[in-house]
Amino acid sequence: MNKTLTVALALAAGLLGGLLTRYIAPPATFAQDQAPITKEIRAQSFTLVDSSDHTLGVFTTEPASKAINPYLTPTRIVLRDSKGREIWTAGGSGIRPVTER
């Protein structure tokens, strides 16, 4: 066989092999499936901890004070530090009794 025919056959065999592996070979597998994207997180409270697993604060909800109106108890969102002191709040009534300060 001459050189040109050998090169042409090698090229044709390579192209044919590439096409066959594209359509006949099984699909590639991955070590892990992709985790689904979480659209919603639901919890009654979140506890914030440091690297030593010590509580730094708690983000939670609690009923607003009944002193303003004993029949309506709206819920408020509260962030408390590790000693239980209120750092931040939202919702409920902005007026709190002196005993809660």
C-alpha atoms as a PDB file:
ATOM      1  CA  MET A   1       0.000   0.000   0.000  1.00  0.00           C
ATOM      2  CA  ASN A   2       1.161   3.434  -0.698  1.00  0.00           C
ATOM      3  CA  LYS A   3       1.489   6.174   1.880  1.00  0.00           C
ATOM      4  CA  THR A   4      -1.517   8.265   0.799  1.00  0.00           C
ATOM      5  CA  LEU A   5      -3.926   5.342   0.974  1.00  0.00           C
ATOM      6  CA  THR A   6      -2.668   4.444   4.458  1.00  0.00           C
ATOM      7  CA  VAL A   7      -3.142   8.021   5.725  1.00  0.00           C
ATOM      8  CA  ALA A   8      -6.622   8.244   4.160  1.00  0.00           C
ATOM      9  CA  LEU A   9      -7.704   4.932   5.728  1.00  0.00           C
ATOM     10  CA  ALA A  10      -6.340   5.995   9.131  1.00  0.00           C
ATOM     11  CA  LEU A  11      -8.202   9.315   8.926  1.00  0.00           C
ATOM     12  CA  ALA A  12     -11.452   7.621   7.852  1.00  0.00           C
ATOM     13  CA  ALA A  13     -11.147   5.026  10.637  1.00  0.00           C
ATOM     14  CA  GLY A  14     -10.589   7.795  13.222  1.00  0.00           C
ATOM     15  CA  LEU A  15     -13.616   9.788  12.045  1.00  0.00           C
ATOM     16  CA  LEU A  16     -15.814   6.685  11.952  1.00  0.00           C
ATOM     17  CA  GLY A  17     -14.668   5.657  15.437  1.00  0.00           C
ATOM     18  CA  GLY A  18     -15.391   9.147  16.787  1.00  0.00           C
ATOM     19  CA  LEU A  19     -18.892   9.123  15.301  1.00  0.00           C
ATOM     20  CA  LEU A  20     -19.637   5.654  16.661  1.00  0.00           C
ATOM     21  CA  THR A  21     -18.559   6.555  20.206  1.00  0.00           C
ATOM     22  CA  ARG A  22     -20.710   9.684  20.035  1.00  0.00           C
ATOM     23  CA  TYR A  23     -23.923   7.772  19.281  1.00  0.00           C
ATOM     24  CA  ILE A  24     -23.329   4.254  20.622  1.00  0.00           C
ATOM     25  CA  ALA A  25     -21.360   4.746  23.854  1.00  0.00           C
ATOM     26  CA  PRO A  26     -23.317   5.139  27.122  1.00  0.00           C
ATOM     27  CA  PRO A  27     -23.612   8.656  28.548  1.00  0.00           C
ATOM     28  CA  ALA A  28     -20.992   9.916  30.964  1.00  0.00           C
ATOM     29  CA  THR A  29     -21.668   9.393  34.661  1.00  0.00           C
ATOM     30  CA  PHE A  30     -20.878  11.722  37.507  1.00  0.00           C
ATOM     31  CA  ALA A  31     -19.739  10.883  41.029  1.00  0.00           C
ATOM     32  CA  GLN A  32     -22.640  12.784  42.623  1.00  0.00           C
ATOM     33  CA  ASP A  33     -25.968  14.072  41.421  1.00  0.00           C
ATOM     34  CA  GLN A  34     -26.560  17.785  41.682  1.00  0.00           C
ATOM     35  CA  ALA A  35     -28.462  18.763  44.829  1.00  0.00           C
ATOM     36  CA  PRO A  36     -31.897  20.245  44.149  1.00  0.00           C
ATOM     37  CA  ILE A  37     -32.232  23.965  44.759  1.00  0.00           C
ATOM     38  CA  THR A  38     -34.163  24.696  47.936  1.00  0.00           C
ATOM     39  CA  LYS A  39     -36.969  27.156  47.305  1.00  0.00           C
ATOM     40  CA  GLU A  40     -38.193  27.465  50.883  1.00  0.00           C
ATOM     41  CA  ILE A  41     -36.764  26.927  54.343  1.00  0.00           C
ATOM     42  CA  ARG A  42     -39.217  26.514  57.211  1.00  0.00           C
ATOM     43  CA  ALA A  43     -38.310  26.559  60.888  1.00  0.00           C
ATOM     44  CA  GLN A  44     -39.707  27.812  64.184  1.00  0.00           C
ATOM     45  CA  SER A  45     -36.358  29.331  65.148  1.00  0.00           C
ATOM     46  CA  PHE A  46     -32.744  29.634  64.020  1.00  0.00           C
ATOM     47  CA  THR A  47     -29.904  29.334  66.518  1.00  0.00           C
ATOM     48  CA  LEU A  48     -26.671  31.087  65.560  1.00  0.00           C
ATOM     49  CA  VAL A  49     -23.542  29.327  66.855  1.00  0.00           C
ATOM     50  CA  ASP A  50     -19.810  29.953  66.589  1.00  0.00           C
ATOM     51  CA  SER A  51     -17.124  27.463  65.537  1.00  0.00           C
ATOM     52  CA  SER A  52     -17.033  25.995  69.076  1.00  0.00           C
ATOM     53  CA  ASP A  53     -20.800  25.333  68.986  1.00  0.00           C
ATOM     54  CA  HIS A  54     -21.544  28.054  71.566  1.00  0.00           C
ATOM     55  CA  THR A  55     -24.872  29.831  71.083  1.00  0.00           C
ATOM     56  CA  LEU A  56     -24.439  33.429  69.941  1.00  0.00           C
ATOM     57  CA  GLY A  57     -28.090  34.250  69.395  1.00  0.00           C
ATOM     58  CA  VAL A  58     -31.557  32.996  68.544  1.00  0.00           C
ATOM     59  CA  PHE A  59     -33.762  34.298  65.739  1.00  0.00           C
ATOM     60  CA  THR A  60     -37.358  33.332  66.513  1.00  0.00           C
ATOM     61  CA  THR A  61     -40.976  34.445  66.767  1.00  0.00           C
ATOM     62  CA  GLU A  62     -42.981  35.024  69.897  1.00  0.00           C
ATOM     63  CA  PRO A  63     -46.363  36.485  70.749  1.00  0.00           C
ATOM     64  CA  ALA A  64     -46.454  40.225  71.283  1.00  0.00           C
ATOM     65  CA  SER A  65     -47.322  41.637  74.698  1.00  0.00           C
ATOM     66  CA  LYS A  66     -50.891  41.130  75.920  1.00  0.00           C
ATOM     67  CA  ALA A  67     -50.691  44.280  78.059  1.00  0.00           C
ATOM     68  CA  ILE A  68     -51.663  46.535  75.143  1.00  0.00           C
ATOM     69  CA  ASN A  69     -54.732  44.570  74.053  1.00  0.00           C
ATOM     70  CA  PRO A  70     -55.390  41.241  75.790  1.00  0.00           C
ATOM     71  CA  TYR A  71     -57.643  40.011  72.944  1.00  0.00           C
ATOM     72  CA  LEU A  72     -55.169  40.586  70.120  1.00  0.00           C
ATOM     73  CA  THR A  73     -51.839  38.766  70.319  1.00  0.00           C
ATOM     74  CA  PRO A  74     -49.922  39.545  67.156  1.00  0.00           C
ATOM     75  CA  THR A  75     -46.676  37.703  66.572  1.00  0.00           C
ATOM     76  CA  ARG A  76     -43.366  39.509  66.424  1.00  0.00           C
ATOM     77  CA  ILE A  77     -39.939  38.463  65.164  1.00  0.00           C
ATOM     78  CA  VAL A  78     -37.154  38.639  67.740  1.00  0.00           C
ATOM     79  CA  LEU A  79     -33.369  38.301  67.714  1.00  0.00           C
ATOM     80  CA  ARG A  80     -31.953  37.505  71.169  1.00  0.00           C
ATOM     81  CA  ASP A  81     -28.310  37.281  72.242  1.00  0.00           C
ATOM     82  CA  SER A  82     -26.745  34.345  74.117  1.00  0.00           C
ATOM     83  CA  LYS A  83     -28.004  35.687  77.476  1.00  0.00           C
ATOM     84  CA  GLY A  84     -31.593  36.006  76.251  1.00  0.00           C
ATOM     85  CA  ARG A  85     -31.572  39.788  75.907  1.00  0.00           C
ATOM     86  CA  GLU A  86     -33.527  41.213  73.004  1.00  0.00           C
ATOM     87  CA  ILE A  87     -31.261  42.728  70.350  1.00  0.00           C
ATOM     88  CA  TRP A  88     -33.765  43.397  67.569  1.00  0.00           C
ATOM     89  CA  THR A  89     -37.505  43.027  67.029  1.00  0.00           C
ATOM     90  CA  ALA A  90     -40.043  43.558  64.266  1.00  0.00           C
ATOM     91  CA  GLY A  91     -43.810  43.382  64.246  1.00  0.00           C
ATOM     92  CA  GLY A  92     -46.264  43.404  67.100  1.00  0.00           C
ATOM     93  CA  SER A  93     -46.717  46.646  68.973  1.00  0.00           C
ATOM     94  CA  GLY A  94     -43.900  49.151  69.247  1.00  0.00           C
ATOM     95  CA  ILE A  95     -44.955  49.929  72.820  1.00  0.00           C
ATOM     96  CA  ARG A  96     -43.734  47.521  75.468  1.00  0.00           C
ATOM     97  CA  PRO A  97     -44.378  47.508  79.197  1.00  0.00           C
ATOM     98  CA  VAL A  98     -41.486  48.520  81.462  1.00  0.00           C
ATOM     99  CA  THR A  99     -41.245  44.924  82.743  1.00  0.00           C
ATOM    100  CA  GLU A 100     -40.143  43.724  79.256  1.00  0.00           C
ATOM    101  CA  ARG A 101     -37.358  46.252  78.710  1.00  0.00           C
END
